[in-house]
């Protein structure tokens, strides 16, 4: 299990791709990735669900 809290939200798109590639590399087969975020936060750092799906 890999868990992250808020970190991915503040990366650029390229940084997100790099971080997610590294997370995928170290995650054991069948492992899980948990990303904590806050929908109540007002910021332009949130991506729509379809963009997160594309990155993943």
N, C-alpha and C. Protein backbone atom coordinates (compact mmCIF):
# COMPACT_ATOMS: atom_id res chain seq x y z
N UNK A 1 0.85 -1.18 0.00
CA UNK A 1 0.00 0.00 0.00
C UNK A 1 0.88 1.23 0.00
N UNK A 2 0.56 2.14 -0.86
CA UNK A 2 1.20 3.45 -0.88
C UNK A 2 0.12 4.48 -0.57
N UNK A 3 0.41 5.38 0.34
CA UNK A 3 -0.55 6.43 0.69
C UNK A 3 0.11 7.79 0.53
N UNK A 4 -0.66 8.72 0.00
CA UNK A 4 -0.17 10.09 -0.13
C UNK A 4 -1.30 11.03 0.29
N UNK A 5 -0.93 12.13 0.89
CA UNK A 5 -1.93 13.10 1.32
C UNK A 5 -1.60 14.46 0.69
N UNK A 6 -2.41 14.86 -0.24
CA UNK A 6 -2.38 16.19 -0.85
C UNK A 6 -1.21 16.44 -1.81
N UNK A 7 -0.14 15.69 -1.73
CA UNK A 7 1.06 15.98 -2.49
C UNK A 7 0.80 16.01 -4.00
N UNK A 8 0.09 15.04 -4.53
CA UNK A 8 -0.12 14.97 -5.98
C UNK A 8 -0.89 16.17 -6.52
N UNK A 9 -1.68 16.79 -5.68
CA UNK A 9 -2.50 17.90 -6.14
C UNK A 9 -1.67 19.09 -6.61
N UNK A 10 -0.51 19.28 -6.02
CA UNK A 10 0.26 20.49 -6.26
C UNK A 10 1.38 20.32 -7.27
N UNK A 11 1.44 19.17 -7.91
CA UNK A 11 2.44 18.94 -8.94
C UNK A 11 1.92 19.39 -10.29
N UNK A 12 2.85 19.74 -11.16
CA UNK A 12 2.45 20.03 -12.54
C UNK A 12 2.03 18.72 -13.20
N UNK A 13 1.43 18.81 -14.38
CA UNK A 13 1.01 17.59 -15.08
C UNK A 13 2.21 16.67 -15.33
N UNK A 14 3.32 17.22 -15.76
CA UNK A 14 4.51 16.40 -16.01
C UNK A 14 5.03 15.77 -14.72
N UNK A 15 5.02 16.53 -13.65
CA UNK A 15 5.45 15.99 -12.36
C UNK A 15 4.51 14.89 -11.87
N UNK A 16 3.21 15.08 -12.12
CA UNK A 16 2.24 14.02 -11.77
C UNK A 16 2.55 12.74 -12.52
N UNK A 17 2.83 12.86 -13.83
CA UNK A 17 3.15 11.69 -14.64
C UNK A 17 4.39 10.99 -14.11
N UNK A 18 5.42 11.76 -13.76
CA UNK A 18 6.65 11.18 -13.23
C UNK A 18 6.39 10.50 -11.89
N UNK A 19 5.65 11.17 -11.01
CA UNK A 19 5.37 10.61 -9.69
C UNK A 19 4.54 9.34 -9.80
N UNK A 20 3.52 9.35 -10.65
CA UNK A 20 2.67 8.18 -10.80
C UNK A 20 3.43 7.01 -11.44
N UNK A 21 4.35 7.31 -12.35
CA UNK A 21 5.17 6.25 -12.94
C UNK A 21 6.05 5.61 -11.86
N UNK A 22 6.61 6.41 -10.97
CA UNK A 22 7.44 5.89 -9.89
C UNK A 22 6.60 5.10 -8.89
N UNK A 23 5.41 5.61 -8.57
CA UNK A 23 4.52 4.88 -7.67
C UNK A 23 4.16 3.52 -8.27
N UNK A 24 3.87 3.50 -9.54
CA UNK A 24 3.53 2.24 -10.21
C UNK A 24 4.73 1.28 -10.18
N UNK A 25 5.94 1.83 -10.35
CA UNK A 25 7.15 1.00 -10.37
C UNK A 25 7.36 0.29 -9.04
N UNK A 26 7.14 1.00 -7.93
CA UNK A 26 7.45 0.41 -6.62
C UNK A 26 6.27 -0.31 -5.98
N UNK A 27 5.08 -0.12 -6.52
CA UNK A 27 3.90 -0.77 -5.94
C UNK A 27 3.90 -2.26 -6.28
N UNK A 28 3.72 -3.09 -5.27
CA UNK A 28 3.70 -4.54 -5.47
C UNK A 28 2.50 -4.92 -6.32
N UNK A 29 2.61 -6.01 -7.09
CA UNK A 29 1.46 -6.49 -7.85
C UNK A 29 0.25 -6.68 -6.93
N UNK A 30 -0.87 -6.15 -7.33
CA UNK A 30 -2.08 -6.24 -6.51
C UNK A 30 -2.12 -5.20 -5.41
N UNK A 31 -1.07 -4.36 -5.31
CA UNK A 31 -1.02 -3.33 -4.28
C UNK A 31 -2.01 -2.22 -4.56
N UNK A 32 -2.16 -1.35 -3.60
CA UNK A 32 -3.13 -0.25 -3.72
C UNK A 32 -2.44 1.09 -3.49
N UNK A 33 -2.97 2.10 -4.16
CA UNK A 33 -2.52 3.47 -3.99
C UNK A 33 -3.67 4.26 -3.39
N UNK A 34 -3.44 4.90 -2.27
CA UNK A 34 -4.45 5.75 -1.64
C UNK A 34 -4.00 7.20 -1.69
N UNK A 35 -4.85 8.06 -2.23
CA UNK A 35 -4.54 9.48 -2.34
C UNK A 35 -5.60 10.28 -1.59
N UNK A 36 -5.17 10.96 -0.56
CA UNK A 36 -6.07 11.78 0.23
C UNK A 36 -6.09 13.19 -0.34
N UNK A 37 -7.28 13.75 -0.49
CA UNK A 37 -7.41 15.14 -0.95
C UNK A 37 -8.62 15.75 -0.26
N UNK A 38 -8.84 17.00 -0.54
CA UNK A 38 -9.95 17.70 0.10
C UNK A 38 -10.78 18.41 -0.96
N UNK A 39 -12.00 17.98 -1.14
CA UNK A 39 -12.87 18.64 -2.11
C UNK A 39 -13.31 20.02 -1.64
N UNK A 40 -13.17 20.29 -0.35
CA UNK A 40 -13.59 21.57 0.17
C UNK A 40 -12.59 22.69 -0.08
N UNK A 41 -11.39 22.32 -0.48
CA UNK A 41 -10.36 23.32 -0.71
C UNK A 41 -10.62 24.05 -2.02
N UNK A 42 -10.52 25.35 -2.01
CA UNK A 42 -10.70 26.13 -3.23
C UNK A 42 -9.32 26.40 -3.82
N UNK A 43 -9.03 25.76 -4.91
CA UNK A 43 -7.75 25.92 -5.58
C UNK A 43 -7.87 25.41 -7.00
N UNK A 44 -6.95 25.81 -7.83
CA UNK A 44 -6.95 25.36 -9.22
C UNK A 44 -6.07 24.13 -9.40
N UNK A 45 -5.79 23.43 -8.31
CA UNK A 45 -4.91 22.27 -8.39
C UNK A 45 -5.67 20.98 -8.64
N UNK A 46 -6.99 21.01 -8.53
CA UNK A 46 -7.77 19.79 -8.70
C UNK A 46 -8.00 19.52 -10.17
N UNK A 47 -7.86 18.27 -10.55
CA UNK A 47 -8.15 17.85 -11.92
C UNK A 47 -9.49 17.14 -11.95
N UNK A 48 -10.20 17.23 -13.06
CA UNK A 48 -11.43 16.45 -13.20
C UNK A 48 -11.09 14.95 -13.17
N UNK A 49 -12.05 14.15 -12.79
CA UNK A 49 -11.86 12.69 -12.67
C UNK A 49 -11.29 12.08 -13.94
N UNK A 50 -11.80 12.50 -15.10
CA UNK A 50 -11.32 11.91 -16.36
C UNK A 50 -9.84 12.21 -16.60
N UNK A 51 -9.35 13.37 -16.14
CA UNK A 51 -7.93 13.66 -16.31
C UNK A 51 -7.07 12.81 -15.38
N UNK A 52 -7.57 12.57 -14.14
CA UNK A 52 -6.84 11.66 -13.24
C UNK A 52 -6.81 10.25 -13.83
N UNK A 53 -7.94 9.81 -14.39
CA UNK A 53 -7.99 8.49 -15.00
C UNK A 53 -6.98 8.38 -16.13
N UNK A 54 -6.86 9.44 -16.92
CA UNK A 54 -5.90 9.46 -18.02
C UNK A 54 -4.47 9.36 -17.50
N UNK A 55 -4.16 10.10 -16.43
CA UNK A 55 -2.82 10.06 -15.86
C UNK A 55 -2.49 8.69 -15.29
N UNK A 56 -3.48 8.06 -14.68
CA UNK A 56 -3.26 6.75 -14.07
C UNK A 56 -3.22 5.67 -15.11
